[in-house]
């Protein structure tokens, strides 16, 4: 039995399921509709695919080694999280009971397709613009390559495991939110969740920008 692989599975599961910006944006969009939530979840997994692929290819080392490039990603990530967070806070103030039913049109209508594309993009950018992810995977993956074993096949396996976990976890979160929709979409509850996720996204974006200024 591969003890290192078992250990990595536990660590990766903890990283994927830990509440953060990805979790917040999935929950927020799932409040609008199951379709939006699942699309956001797939977008998050796509962002993780980018990070793990960069780590496997060694390109994440370039990002870490070039402070200006790393700072640019951090700036974009912080601004984008602030944009999502402030938008969620504004929506919490403006949200009415009727809004909960606004995403119930046919799945193939133009508005629904645009909403799905927007949700997919939000999930992807929320994860892909996280500047700490390349550093994390660059430092983590090599630790679970056994001595004497080729690095590429092993890191590919580890990267695939992370993305697979995300493709299970985040859609499951979106489906759970939708399943509890009758309760979660009550105006008072929806506003509270919207405000909470907005505050979390705003705080995370603010932390990234503060770290950039203090660096």
N, C-alpha and C. Protein backbone atom coordinates (compact mmCIF):
# COMPACT_ATOMS: atom_id res chain seq x y z
N UNK A 1 0.85 -1.19 0.00
CA UNK A 1 0.00 0.00 0.00
C UNK A 1 0.89 1.25 0.00
N UNK A 2 0.53 2.23 -0.80
CA UNK A 2 1.32 3.44 -0.96
C UNK A 2 0.94 4.43 0.14
N UNK A 3 1.77 4.47 1.20
CA UNK A 3 1.47 5.34 2.32
C UNK A 3 1.50 6.80 1.94
N UNK A 4 2.42 7.19 1.05
CA UNK A 4 2.50 8.59 0.63
C UNK A 4 1.25 9.01 -0.12
N UNK A 5 0.73 8.10 -0.94
CA UNK A 5 -0.48 8.42 -1.71
C UNK A 5 -1.68 8.59 -0.78
N UNK A 6 -1.76 7.74 0.25
CA UNK A 6 -2.85 7.85 1.21
C UNK A 6 -2.75 9.19 1.97
N UNK A 7 -1.54 9.54 2.36
CA UNK A 7 -1.34 10.80 3.08
C UNK A 7 -1.71 11.99 2.19
N UNK A 8 -1.31 11.93 0.92
CA UNK A 8 -1.64 13.03 0.02
C UNK A 8 -3.14 13.14 -0.18
N UNK A 9 -3.83 12.00 -0.24
CA UNK A 9 -5.28 12.01 -0.41
C UNK A 9 -5.95 12.78 0.72
N UNK A 10 -5.50 12.54 1.96
CA UNK A 10 -6.07 13.26 3.09
C UNK A 10 -5.78 14.74 3.06
N UNK A 11 -4.54 15.09 2.71
CA UNK A 11 -4.16 16.50 2.65
C UNK A 11 -4.92 17.21 1.54
N UNK A 12 -4.98 16.57 0.37
CA UNK A 12 -5.68 17.18 -0.77
C UNK A 12 -7.17 17.35 -0.47
N UNK A 13 -7.78 16.35 0.17
CA UNK A 13 -9.19 16.46 0.52
C UNK A 13 -9.43 17.62 1.47
N UNK A 14 -8.51 17.81 2.42
CA UNK A 14 -8.64 18.93 3.34
C UNK A 14 -8.51 20.27 2.63
N UNK A 15 -7.58 20.36 1.68
CA UNK A 15 -7.40 21.62 0.94
C UNK A 15 -8.64 21.94 0.11
N UNK A 16 -9.18 20.93 -0.56
CA UNK A 16 -10.31 21.16 -1.46
C UNK A 16 -11.57 21.55 -0.69
N UNK A 17 -11.79 20.89 0.44
CA UNK A 17 -13.04 21.10 1.18
C UNK A 17 -12.98 22.27 2.16
N UNK A 18 -11.79 22.83 2.38
CA UNK A 18 -11.68 23.95 3.32
C UNK A 18 -12.46 25.16 2.81
N UNK A 19 -13.36 25.71 3.60
CA UNK A 19 -14.13 26.88 3.15
C UNK A 19 -13.22 28.05 2.81
N UNK A 20 -13.50 28.69 1.71
CA UNK A 20 -12.70 29.82 1.26
C UNK A 20 -13.43 30.53 0.14
N UNK A 21 -12.68 31.21 -0.71
CA UNK A 21 -13.29 31.95 -1.80
C UNK A 21 -14.04 31.04 -2.76
N UNK A 22 -13.45 29.89 -3.10
CA UNK A 22 -14.11 28.96 -4.02
C UNK A 22 -15.46 28.51 -3.46
N UNK A 23 -15.45 28.10 -2.20
CA UNK A 23 -16.68 27.65 -1.55
C UNK A 23 -17.72 28.76 -1.53
N UNK A 24 -17.28 29.97 -1.20
CA UNK A 24 -18.21 31.09 -1.09
C UNK A 24 -18.88 31.40 -2.42
N UNK A 25 -18.10 31.42 -3.50
CA UNK A 25 -18.68 31.79 -4.80
C UNK A 25 -19.59 30.69 -5.33
N UNK A 26 -19.29 29.42 -5.02
CA UNK A 26 -20.17 28.32 -5.42
C UNK A 26 -21.51 28.43 -4.70
N UNK A 27 -21.46 28.66 -3.39
CA UNK A 27 -22.70 28.78 -2.61
C UNK A 27 -23.52 29.96 -3.09
N UNK A 28 -22.85 31.09 -3.31
CA UNK A 28 -23.57 32.29 -3.73
C UNK A 28 -24.30 32.06 -5.04
N UNK A 29 -23.63 31.47 -6.02
CA UNK A 29 -24.27 31.27 -7.32
C UNK A 29 -25.30 30.15 -7.29
N UNK A 30 -25.09 29.16 -6.41
CA UNK A 30 -26.07 28.09 -6.29
C UNK A 30 -27.38 28.60 -5.71
N UNK A 31 -27.33 29.71 -4.98
CA UNK A 31 -28.56 30.31 -4.47
C UNK A 31 -29.43 30.82 -5.61
N UNK A 32 -28.79 31.21 -6.72
CA UNK A 32 -29.55 31.67 -7.87
C UNK A 32 -30.20 30.51 -8.61
N UNK A 33 -29.41 29.44 -8.84
CA UNK A 33 -29.96 28.26 -9.49
C UNK A 33 -28.98 27.11 -9.39
N UNK A 34 -29.48 25.89 -9.50
CA UNK A 34 -28.61 24.71 -9.50
C UNK A 34 -27.65 24.77 -10.66
N UNK A 35 -28.14 25.19 -11.82
CA UNK A 35 -27.30 25.27 -13.02
C UNK A 35 -26.12 26.22 -12.80
N UNK A 36 -26.39 27.38 -12.21
CA UNK A 36 -25.33 28.36 -11.95
C UNK A 36 -24.33 27.82 -10.94
N UNK A 37 -24.83 27.14 -9.92
CA UNK A 37 -23.93 26.59 -8.90
C UNK A 37 -23.01 25.53 -9.46
N UNK A 38 -23.56 24.62 -10.24
CA UNK A 38 -22.74 23.55 -10.82
C UNK A 38 -21.74 24.11 -11.82
N UNK A 39 -22.17 25.09 -12.61
CA UNK A 39 -21.25 25.72 -13.57
C UNK A 39 -20.10 26.39 -12.83
N UNK A 40 -20.39 27.05 -11.72
CA UNK A 40 -19.34 27.67 -10.92
C UNK A 40 -18.39 26.62 -10.38
N UNK A 41 -18.94 25.51 -9.92
CA UNK A 41 -18.12 24.43 -9.39
C UNK A 41 -17.17 23.87 -10.45
N UNK A 42 -17.67 23.69 -11.66
CA UNK A 42 -16.83 23.20 -12.76
C UNK A 42 -15.74 24.22 -13.08
N UNK A 43 -16.09 25.50 -13.01
CA UNK A 43 -15.10 26.55 -13.24
C UNK A 43 -13.99 26.51 -12.20
N UNK A 44 -14.34 26.28 -10.93
CA UNK A 44 -13.34 26.17 -9.87
C UNK A 44 -12.39 25.01 -10.16
N UNK A 45 -12.95 23.88 -10.57
CA UNK A 45 -12.11 22.73 -10.91
C UNK A 45 -11.20 23.05 -12.09
N UNK A 46 -11.70 23.84 -13.03
CA UNK A 46 -10.86 24.27 -14.15
C UNK A 46 -9.69 25.12 -13.70
N UNK A 47 -9.92 25.99 -12.72
CA UNK A 47 -8.84 26.79 -12.17
C UNK A 47 -7.79 25.92 -11.48
N UNK A 48 -8.26 24.92 -10.74
CA UNK A 48 -7.33 23.98 -10.10
C UNK A 48 -6.53 23.21 -11.14
N UNK A 49 -7.17 22.88 -12.26
CA UNK A 49 -6.46 22.19 -13.33
C UNK A 49 -5.31 23.04 -13.85
N UNK A 50 -5.54 24.34 -13.97
CA UNK A 50 -4.48 25.24 -14.43
C UNK A 50 -3.32 25.24 -13.43
N UNK A 51 -3.63 25.39 -12.15
CA UNK A 51 -2.59 25.45 -11.13
C UNK A 51 -1.78 24.16 -11.06
N UNK A 52 -2.47 23.03 -11.07
CA UNK A 52 -1.75 21.77 -10.96
C UNK A 52 -0.94 21.49 -12.23
N UNK A 53 -1.48 21.87 -13.39
CA UNK A 53 -0.74 21.68 -14.63
C UNK A 53 0.52 22.53 -14.65
N UNK A 54 0.42 23.77 -14.14
CA UNK A 54 1.59 24.63 -14.06
C UNK A 54 2.64 24.04 -13.13
N UNK A 55 2.18 23.46 -12.02
CA UNK A 55 3.12 22.87 -11.07
C UNK A 55 3.81 21.66 -11.68
N UNK A 56 3.05 20.82 -12.38
CA UNK A 56 3.62 19.63 -13.01
C UNK A 56 4.64 20.03 -14.08
N UNK A 57 4.31 21.08 -14.83
CA UNK A 57 5.21 21.52 -15.90
C UNK A 57 6.38 22.34 -15.38
N UNK A 58 6.37 22.69 -14.12
CA UNK A 58 7.44 23.49 -13.56
C UNK A 58 7.29 24.98 -13.79
N UNK A 59 6.20 25.38 -14.45
CA UNK A 59 6.01 26.80 -14.76
C UNK A 59 5.63 27.61 -13.53
N UNK A 60 5.09 26.93 -12.51
CA UNK A 60 4.76 27.65 -11.28
C UNK A 60 6.02 28.23 -10.65
N UNK A 61 7.16 27.57 -10.86
CA UNK A 61 8.42 28.08 -10.31
C UNK A 61 8.77 29.44 -10.91
N UNK A 62 8.40 29.63 -12.17
CA UNK A 62 8.65 30.93 -12.81
C UNK A 62 7.83 32.02 -12.14
N UNK A 63 6.57 31.71 -11.86
CA UNK A 63 5.69 32.68 -11.20
C UNK A 63 6.24 33.05 -9.83
N UNK A 64 6.72 32.06 -9.11
CA UNK A 64 7.25 32.31 -7.77
C UNK A 64 8.56 33.08 -7.84
N UNK A 65 9.36 32.81 -8.86
CA UNK A 65 10.69 33.40 -8.96
C UNK A 65 10.67 34.84 -9.48
N UNK A 66 9.57 35.25 -10.10
CA UNK A 66 9.48 36.61 -10.67
C UNK A 66 8.50 37.43 -9.82
N UNK A 67 9.02 38.23 -8.90
CA UNK A 67 8.14 38.98 -7.98
C UNK A 67 7.10 39.84 -8.70
N UNK A 68 7.49 40.48 -9.80
CA UNK A 68 6.54 41.35 -10.50
C UNK A 68 5.37 40.55 -11.05
N UNK A 69 5.65 39.37 -11.59
CA UNK A 69 4.59 38.52 -12.13
C UNK A 69 3.69 38.01 -11.02
N UNK A 70 4.30 37.58 -9.93
CA UNK A 70 3.52 37.10 -8.79
C UNK A 70 2.65 38.22 -8.23
N UNK A 71 3.22 39.43 -8.13
CA UNK A 71 2.46 40.57 -7.63
C UNK A 71 1.30 40.93 -8.52
N UNK A 72 1.49 40.80 -9.84
CA UNK A 72 0.41 41.11 -10.78
C UNK A 72 -0.76 40.15 -10.59
N UNK A 73 -0.43 38.87 -10.42
CA UNK A 73 -1.49 37.87 -10.19
C UNK A 73 -2.19 38.15 -8.87
N UNK A 74 -1.42 38.51 -7.85
CA UNK A 74 -2.01 38.81 -6.55
C UNK A 74 -2.93 40.03 -6.63
N UNK A 75 -2.50 41.05 -7.37
CA UNK A 75 -3.33 42.24 -7.54
C UNK A 75 -4.64 41.90 -8.25
N UNK A 76 -4.54 41.16 -9.35
CA UNK A 76 -5.75 40.77 -10.08
C UNK A 76 -6.67 39.92 -9.22
N UNK A 77 -6.08 38.99 -8.48
CA UNK A 77 -6.89 38.12 -7.62
C UNK A 77 -7.60 38.91 -6.53
N UNK A 78 -6.88 39.81 -5.89
CA UNK A 78 -7.49 40.61 -4.83
C UNK A 78 -8.60 41.50 -5.35
N UNK A 79 -8.35 42.16 -6.48
CA UNK A 79 -9.37 43.05 -7.05
C UNK A 79 -10.60 42.26 -7.47
N UNK A 80 -10.39 41.07 -8.05
CA UNK A 80 -11.53 40.28 -8.51
C UNK A 80 -12.37 39.78 -7.33
N UNK A 81 -11.71 39.36 -6.25
CA UNK A 81 -12.47 38.91 -5.08
C UNK A 81 -13.23 40.09 -4.46
N UNK A 82 -12.62 41.26 -4.45
CA UNK A 82 -13.33 42.44 -3.96
C UNK A 82 -14.55 42.74 -4.83
N UNK A 83 -14.37 42.61 -6.13
CA UNK A 83 -15.48 42.85 -7.06
C UNK A 83 -16.64 41.89 -6.78
N UNK A 84 -16.31 40.60 -6.61
CA UNK A 84 -17.36 39.62 -6.32
C UNK A 84 -17.98 39.88 -4.94
N UNK A 85 -17.14 40.19 -3.96
CA UNK A 85 -17.65 40.40 -2.61
C UNK A 85 -18.55 41.61 -2.50
N UNK A 86 -18.12 42.72 -3.07
CA UNK A 86 -18.96 43.93 -3.02
C UNK A 86 -20.25 43.70 -3.79
N UNK A 87 -20.16 42.99 -4.93
CA UNK A 87 -21.37 42.67 -5.69
C UNK A 87 -22.35 41.85 -4.88
N UNK A 88 -21.81 40.88 -4.11
CA UNK A 88 -22.69 40.06 -3.28
C UNK A 88 -23.32 40.88 -2.16
N UNK A 89 -22.54 41.79 -1.57
CA UNK A 89 -23.09 42.63 -0.51
C UNK A 89 -24.20 43.55 -1.04
N UNK A 90 -23.98 44.10 -2.22
CA UNK A 90 -25.01 44.96 -2.83
C UNK A 90 -26.26 44.13 -3.14
N UNK A 91 -26.04 42.90 -3.65
CA UNK A 91 -27.19 42.04 -3.96
C UNK A 91 -27.96 41.67 -2.70
N UNK A 92 -27.22 41.50 -1.58
CA UNK A 92 -27.90 41.17 -0.32
C UNK A 92 -28.82 42.29 0.11
N UNK A 93 -28.42 43.52 -0.15
CA UNK A 93 -29.25 44.67 0.21
C UNK A 93 -30.46 44.78 -0.70
N UNK A 94 -30.23 44.50 -2.00
CA UNK A 94 -31.30 44.70 -2.98
C UNK A 94 -32.20 43.48 -3.16
N UNK A 95 -31.73 42.32 -2.70
CA UNK A 95 -32.45 41.08 -2.98
C UNK A 95 -33.85 41.10 -2.41
N UNK A 96 -34.80 40.60 -3.19
CA UNK A 96 -36.19 40.47 -2.74
C UNK A 96 -36.60 39.02 -2.87
N UNK A 97 -37.75 38.70 -2.34
CA UNK A 97 -38.24 37.34 -2.44
C UNK A 97 -38.41 36.88 -3.86
N UNK A 98 -38.75 37.79 -4.77
CA UNK A 98 -38.97 37.40 -6.15
C UNK A 98 -37.70 36.99 -6.85
N UNK A 99 -36.56 37.48 -6.35
CA UNK A 99 -35.29 37.19 -7.02
C UNK A 99 -34.96 35.71 -6.99
N UNK A 100 -35.42 35.03 -5.94
CA UNK A 100 -35.10 33.61 -5.81
C UNK A 100 -35.65 32.80 -6.95
N UNK A 101 -36.67 33.30 -7.64
CA UNK A 101 -37.26 32.53 -8.72
C UNK A 101 -36.87 33.06 -10.09
N UNK A 102 -35.88 33.94 -10.14
CA UNK A 102 -35.55 34.60 -11.38
C UNK A 102 -34.79 33.74 -12.36
N UNK A 103 -34.25 32.59 -11.90
CA UNK A 103 -33.42 31.75 -12.77
C UNK A 103 -34.13 30.46 -13.14
N UNK A 104 -35.43 30.50 -13.30
CA UNK A 104 -36.18 29.27 -13.54
C UNK A 104 -36.61 29.12 -14.98
N UNK A 105 -35.99 29.82 -15.91
CA UNK A 105 -36.36 29.72 -17.32
C UNK A 105 -35.83 28.46 -17.94
N UNK A 106 -36.18 28.20 -19.22
CA UNK A 106 -35.69 27.02 -19.90
C UNK A 106 -34.18 26.99 -19.94
N UNK A 107 -33.59 25.78 -19.86
CA UNK A 107 -32.14 25.63 -19.78
C UNK A 107 -31.44 26.09 -21.04
N UNK A 108 -32.15 26.12 -22.18
CA UNK A 108 -31.49 26.47 -23.43
C UNK A 108 -31.79 27.90 -23.87
N UNK A 109 -32.46 28.70 -23.05
CA UNK A 109 -32.77 30.07 -23.45
C UNK A 109 -31.49 30.90 -23.37
N UNK A 110 -31.38 31.95 -24.17
CA UNK A 110 -30.14 32.75 -24.18
C UNK A 110 -29.74 33.27 -22.81
N UNK A 111 -30.72 33.74 -22.03
CA UNK A 111 -30.40 34.27 -20.71
C UNK A 111 -29.79 33.20 -19.82
N UNK A 112 -30.33 31.98 -19.90
CA UNK A 112 -29.81 30.89 -19.08
C UNK A 112 -28.39 30.52 -19.51
N UNK A 113 -28.15 30.50 -20.81
CA UNK A 113 -26.81 30.19 -21.30
C UNK A 113 -25.81 31.25 -20.88
N UNK A 114 -26.20 32.51 -20.93
CA UNK A 114 -25.32 33.59 -20.50
C UNK A 114 -25.03 33.48 -19.01
N UNK A 115 -26.06 33.12 -18.23
CA UNK A 115 -25.88 32.97 -16.79
C UNK A 115 -24.93 31.83 -16.48
N UNK A 116 -25.05 30.73 -17.23
CA UNK A 116 -24.16 29.59 -17.03
C UNK A 116 -22.72 29.96 -17.37
N UNK A 117 -22.54 30.68 -18.47
CA UNK A 117 -21.20 31.11 -18.87
C UNK A 117 -20.59 32.05 -17.84
N UNK A 118 -21.42 32.96 -17.32
CA UNK A 118 -20.93 33.89 -16.29
C UNK A 118 -20.51 33.14 -15.04
N UNK A 119 -21.30 32.17 -14.63
CA UNK A 119 -20.99 31.40 -13.43
C UNK A 119 -19.72 30.57 -13.63
N UNK A 120 -19.60 29.97 -14.80
CA UNK A 120 -18.39 29.19 -15.11
C UNK A 120 -17.16 30.09 -15.04
N UNK A 121 -17.27 31.28 -15.61
CA UNK A 121 -16.15 32.23 -15.61
C UNK A 121 -15.81 32.67 -14.19
N UNK A 122 -16.82 32.94 -13.39
CA UNK A 122 -16.56 33.37 -12.02
C UNK A 122 -15.84 32.29 -11.22
N UNK A 123 -16.28 31.05 -11.36
CA UNK A 123 -15.62 29.96 -10.65
C UNK A 123 -14.17 29.80 -11.08
N UNK A 124 -13.95 29.87 -12.40
CA UNK A 124 -12.60 29.70 -12.93
C UNK A 124 -11.68 30.81 -12.45
N UNK A 125 -12.12 32.07 -12.60
CA UNK A 125 -11.26 33.19 -12.24
C UNK A 125 -11.01 33.27 -10.74
N UNK A 126 -12.01 32.93 -9.94
CA UNK A 126 -11.83 32.95 -8.49
C UNK A 126 -10.69 32.04 -8.08
N UNK A 127 -10.62 30.86 -8.70
CA UNK A 127 -9.55 29.93 -8.36
C UNK A 127 -8.25 30.24 -9.10
N UNK A 128 -8.35 30.52 -10.39
CA UNK A 128 -7.14 30.71 -11.20
C UNK A 128 -6.35 31.94 -10.77
N UNK A 129 -7.01 32.97 -10.23
CA UNK A 129 -6.32 34.18 -9.82
C UNK A 129 -5.87 34.15 -8.36
N UNK A 130 -5.92 32.97 -7.76
CA UNK A 130 -5.40 32.81 -6.40
C UNK A 130 -3.88 32.68 -6.47
N UNK A 131 -3.12 33.69 -6.05
CA UNK A 131 -1.67 33.65 -6.24
C UNK A 131 -0.96 32.65 -5.33
N UNK A 132 -1.64 32.21 -4.28
CA UNK A 132 -1.00 31.29 -3.35
C UNK A 132 -1.07 29.83 -3.82
N UNK A 133 -2.00 29.55 -4.74
CA UNK A 133 -2.16 28.17 -5.20
C UNK A 133 -0.92 27.65 -5.92
N UNK A 134 -0.30 28.40 -6.85
CA UNK A 134 0.91 27.88 -7.50
C UNK A 134 2.02 27.55 -6.51
N UNK A 135 2.18 28.42 -5.49
CA UNK A 135 3.20 28.19 -4.48
C UNK A 135 2.89 26.91 -3.71
N UNK A 136 1.62 26.73 -3.36
CA UNK A 136 1.20 25.56 -2.60
C UNK A 136 1.48 24.27 -3.37
N UNK A 137 1.03 24.21 -4.61
CA UNK A 137 1.21 22.97 -5.37
C UNK A 137 2.67 22.74 -5.74
N UNK A 138 3.40 23.81 -5.99
CA UNK A 138 4.82 23.68 -6.32
C UNK A 138 5.60 23.09 -5.15
N UNK A 139 5.22 23.47 -3.95
CA UNK A 139 5.93 22.96 -2.77
C UNK A 139 5.37 21.62 -2.29
N UNK A 140 4.10 21.34 -2.58
CA UNK A 140 3.46 20.15 -2.05
C UNK A 140 3.70 18.90 -2.89
N UNK A 141 3.47 19.01 -4.20
CA UNK A 141 3.51 17.81 -5.05
C UNK A 141 4.85 17.06 -4.98
N UNK A 142 6.00 17.74 -5.05
CA UNK A 142 7.27 16.99 -5.02
C UNK A 142 7.49 16.18 -3.74
N UNK A 143 6.86 16.60 -2.64
CA UNK A 143 7.06 15.88 -1.38
C UNK A 143 6.45 14.49 -1.39
N UNK A 144 5.56 14.23 -2.35
CA UNK A 144 4.88 12.94 -2.41
C UNK A 144 5.32 12.12 -3.62
N UNK A 145 6.51 12.43 -4.13
CA UNK A 145 7.14 11.62 -5.18
C UNK A 145 8.18 10.75 -4.51
N UNK A 146 7.99 9.43 -4.45
CA UNK A 146 8.97 8.55 -3.80
C UNK A 146 10.35 8.67 -4.42
N UNK A 147 11.36 8.52 -3.60
CA UNK A 147 12.74 8.60 -4.07
C UNK A 147 12.99 7.54 -5.15
N UNK A 148 13.61 7.96 -6.23
CA UNK A 148 13.94 7.03 -7.31
C UNK A 148 12.83 6.82 -8.32
N UNK A 149 11.65 7.40 -8.07
CA UNK A 149 10.52 7.24 -9.00
C UNK A 149 10.46 8.44 -9.94
N UNK A 150 10.16 8.23 -11.22
CA UNK A 150 10.05 9.37 -12.15
C UNK A 150 9.03 10.38 -11.64
N UNK A 151 9.41 11.66 -11.68
CA UNK A 151 8.57 12.70 -11.08
C UNK A 151 7.31 12.98 -11.90
N UNK A 152 7.42 12.98 -13.23
CA UNK A 152 6.29 13.41 -14.06
C UNK A 152 5.05 12.53 -13.91
N UNK A 153 5.16 11.20 -14.04
CA UNK A 153 3.94 10.38 -13.89
C UNK A 153 3.29 10.53 -12.51
N UNK A 154 4.14 10.63 -11.49
CA UNK A 154 3.61 10.73 -10.14
C UNK A 154 2.90 12.07 -9.91
N UNK A 155 3.53 13.16 -10.32
CA UNK A 155 2.91 14.46 -10.13
C UNK A 155 1.64 14.60 -10.97
N UNK A 156 1.63 13.97 -12.14
CA UNK A 156 0.40 13.96 -12.95
C UNK A 156 -0.72 13.25 -12.20
N UNK A 157 -0.39 12.14 -11.55
CA UNK A 157 -1.39 11.40 -10.78
C UNK A 157 -1.91 12.26 -9.63
N UNK A 158 -1.00 12.90 -8.91
CA UNK A 158 -1.41 13.73 -7.77
C UNK A 158 -2.27 14.91 -8.23
N UNK A 159 -1.88 15.53 -9.33
CA UNK A 159 -2.65 16.65 -9.86
C UNK A 159 -4.05 16.20 -10.28
N UNK A 160 -4.12 15.03 -10.91
CA UNK A 160 -5.42 14.50 -11.33
C UNK A 160 -6.32 14.23 -10.14
N UNK A 161 -5.73 13.75 -9.05
CA UNK A 161 -6.51 13.47 -7.84
C UNK A 161 -7.12 14.76 -7.28
N UNK A 162 -6.35 15.84 -7.28
CA UNK A 162 -6.86 17.11 -6.74
C UNK A 162 -8.03 17.61 -7.58
N UNK A 163 -7.87 17.59 -8.89
CA UNK A 163 -8.93 18.07 -9.78
C UNK A 163 -10.17 17.18 -9.66
N UNK A 164 -9.97 15.87 -9.55
CA UNK A 164 -11.10 14.94 -9.41
C UNK A 164 -11.87 15.20 -8.12
N UNK A 165 -11.14 15.46 -7.04
CA UNK A 165 -11.81 15.77 -5.77
C UNK A 165 -12.64 17.05 -5.90
N UNK A 166 -12.08 18.05 -6.58
CA UNK A 166 -12.83 19.30 -6.77
C UNK A 166 -14.08 19.07 -7.60
N UNK A 167 -13.98 18.19 -8.61
CA UNK A 167 -15.13 17.91 -9.47
C UNK A 167 -16.22 17.13 -8.74
N UNK A 168 -15.87 16.53 -7.61
CA UNK A 168 -16.87 15.85 -6.78
C UNK A 168 -17.40 16.80 -5.71
N UNK A 169 -16.48 17.48 -5.02
CA UNK A 169 -16.87 18.28 -3.86
C UNK A 169 -17.70 19.50 -4.22
N UNK A 170 -17.21 20.32 -5.12
CA UNK A 170 -17.90 21.59 -5.37
C UNK A 170 -19.27 21.41 -6.05
N UNK A 171 -19.42 20.51 -7.03
CA UNK A 171 -20.78 20.25 -7.52
C UNK A 171 -21.69 19.71 -6.42
N UNK A 172 -21.12 18.89 -5.51
CA UNK A 172 -21.93 18.37 -4.41
C UNK A 172 -22.42 19.51 -3.51
N UNK A 173 -21.56 20.50 -3.27
CA UNK A 173 -21.96 21.67 -2.49
C UNK A 173 -23.09 22.42 -3.20
N UNK A 174 -22.93 22.61 -4.51
CA UNK A 174 -23.96 23.31 -5.28
C UNK A 174 -25.28 22.56 -5.24
N UNK A 175 -25.23 21.25 -5.38
CA UNK A 175 -26.46 20.45 -5.37
C UNK A 175 -27.10 20.44 -3.99
N UNK A 176 -26.27 20.46 -2.94
CA UNK A 176 -26.83 20.51 -1.58
C UNK A 176 -27.54 21.83 -1.35
N UNK A 177 -26.92 22.93 -1.78
CA UNK A 177 -27.56 24.24 -1.64
C UNK A 177 -28.89 24.25 -2.39
N UNK A 178 -28.89 23.69 -3.60
CA UNK A 178 -30.13 23.63 -4.38
C UNK A 178 -31.16 22.73 -3.71
N UNK A 179 -30.69 21.63 -3.12
CA UNK A 179 -31.59 20.69 -2.45
C UNK A 179 -32.30 21.36 -1.27
N UNK A 180 -31.55 22.22 -0.59
CA UNK A 180 -32.12 22.95 0.55
C UNK A 180 -32.75 24.27 0.11
N UNK A 181 -32.98 24.38 -1.19
CA UNK A 181 -33.42 25.64 -1.78
C UNK A 181 -34.67 26.23 -1.16
N UNK A 182 -35.65 25.39 -0.84
CA UNK A 182 -36.91 25.93 -0.29
C UNK A 182 -36.67 26.71 0.99
N UNK A 183 -35.66 26.29 1.76
CA UNK A 183 -35.35 26.99 2.99
C UNK A 183 -34.31 28.09 2.74
N UNK A 184 -33.24 27.75 1.99
CA UNK A 184 -32.16 28.71 1.77
C UNK A 184 -32.61 29.92 0.95
N UNK A 185 -33.64 29.73 0.11
CA UNK A 185 -34.09 30.84 -0.73
C UNK A 185 -35.21 31.67 -0.09
N UNK A 186 -35.50 31.40 1.18
CA UNK A 186 -36.36 32.33 1.91
C UNK A 186 -35.65 33.68 1.95
N UNK A 187 -36.37 34.78 1.70
CA UNK A 187 -35.71 36.09 1.59
C UNK A 187 -34.73 36.40 2.71
N UNK A 188 -35.12 36.13 3.94
CA UNK A 188 -34.26 36.48 5.06
C UNK A 188 -32.99 35.62 5.06
N UNK A 189 -33.15 34.33 4.80
CA UNK A 189 -31.99 33.42 4.79
C UNK A 189 -31.07 33.73 3.62
N UNK A 190 -31.68 33.98 2.46
CA UNK A 190 -30.88 34.29 1.27
C UNK A 190 -30.05 35.54 1.47
N UNK A 191 -30.66 36.57 2.04
CA UNK A 191 -29.92 37.80 2.28
C UNK A 191 -28.77 37.57 3.24
N UNK A 192 -29.01 36.74 4.27
CA UNK A 192 -27.95 36.45 5.24
C UNK A 192 -26.79 35.71 4.59
N UNK A 193 -27.12 34.72 3.76
CA UNK A 193 -26.06 33.97 3.07
C UNK A 193 -25.32 34.85 2.08
N UNK A 194 -26.08 35.66 1.36
CA UNK A 194 -25.46 36.56 0.39
C UNK A 194 -24.52 37.53 1.10
N UNK A 195 -24.95 38.07 2.22
CA UNK A 195 -24.11 39.00 2.98
C UNK A 195 -22.88 38.30 3.54
N UNK A 196 -23.06 37.06 4.02
CA UNK A 196 -21.93 36.32 4.59
C UNK A 196 -20.88 36.00 3.53
N UNK A 197 -21.34 35.47 2.38
CA UNK A 197 -20.38 35.16 1.32
C UNK A 197 -19.74 36.43 0.77
N UNK A 198 -20.52 37.49 0.68
CA UNK A 198 -19.96 38.76 0.22
C UNK A 198 -18.89 39.28 1.17
N UNK A 199 -19.15 39.19 2.47
CA UNK A 199 -18.18 39.65 3.45
C UNK A 199 -16.91 38.80 3.39
N UNK A 200 -17.08 37.48 3.20
CA UNK A 200 -15.92 36.58 3.12
C UNK A 200 -15.08 36.90 1.89
N UNK A 201 -15.72 37.05 0.74
CA UNK A 201 -14.98 37.36 -0.48
C UNK A 201 -14.29 38.71 -0.38
N UNK A 202 -14.99 39.69 0.18
CA UNK A 202 -14.40 41.02 0.34
C UNK A 202 -13.18 40.96 1.27
N UNK A 203 -13.32 40.22 2.37
CA UNK A 203 -12.21 40.10 3.32
C UNK A 203 -11.01 39.40 2.68
N UNK A 204 -11.25 38.33 1.94
CA UNK A 204 -10.16 37.60 1.30
C UNK A 204 -9.46 38.47 0.25
N UNK A 205 -10.26 39.21 -0.51
CA UNK A 205 -9.67 40.12 -1.49
C UNK A 205 -8.85 41.21 -0.81
N UNK A 206 -9.37 41.75 0.28
CA UNK A 206 -8.66 42.77 1.03
C UNK A 206 -7.34 42.26 1.59
N UNK A 207 -7.34 41.03 2.09
CA UNK A 207 -6.12 40.45 2.63
C UNK A 207 -5.05 40.32 1.55
N UNK A 208 -5.44 39.88 0.36
CA UNK A 208 -4.47 39.76 -0.74
C UNK A 208 -3.87 41.12 -1.08
N UNK A 209 -4.69 42.15 -1.12
CA UNK A 209 -4.19 43.47 -1.49
C UNK A 209 -3.32 44.07 -0.36
N UNK A 210 -3.70 43.82 0.87
CA UNK A 210 -2.90 44.31 2.00
C UNK A 210 -1.54 43.63 2.01
N UNK A 211 -1.53 42.30 1.78
CA UNK A 211 -0.27 41.58 1.72
C UNK A 211 0.62 42.11 0.60
N UNK A 212 0.00 42.48 -0.51
CA UNK A 212 0.76 43.02 -1.64
C UNK A 212 1.39 44.36 -1.28
N UNK A 213 0.64 45.21 -0.58
CA UNK A 213 1.16 46.51 -0.19
C UNK A 213 2.29 46.38 0.83
N UNK A 214 2.14 45.43 1.75
CA UNK A 214 3.13 45.27 2.82
C UNK A 214 4.35 44.48 2.38
N UNK A 215 4.25 43.80 1.21
CA UNK A 215 5.38 42.96 0.76
C UNK A 215 6.59 43.80 0.43
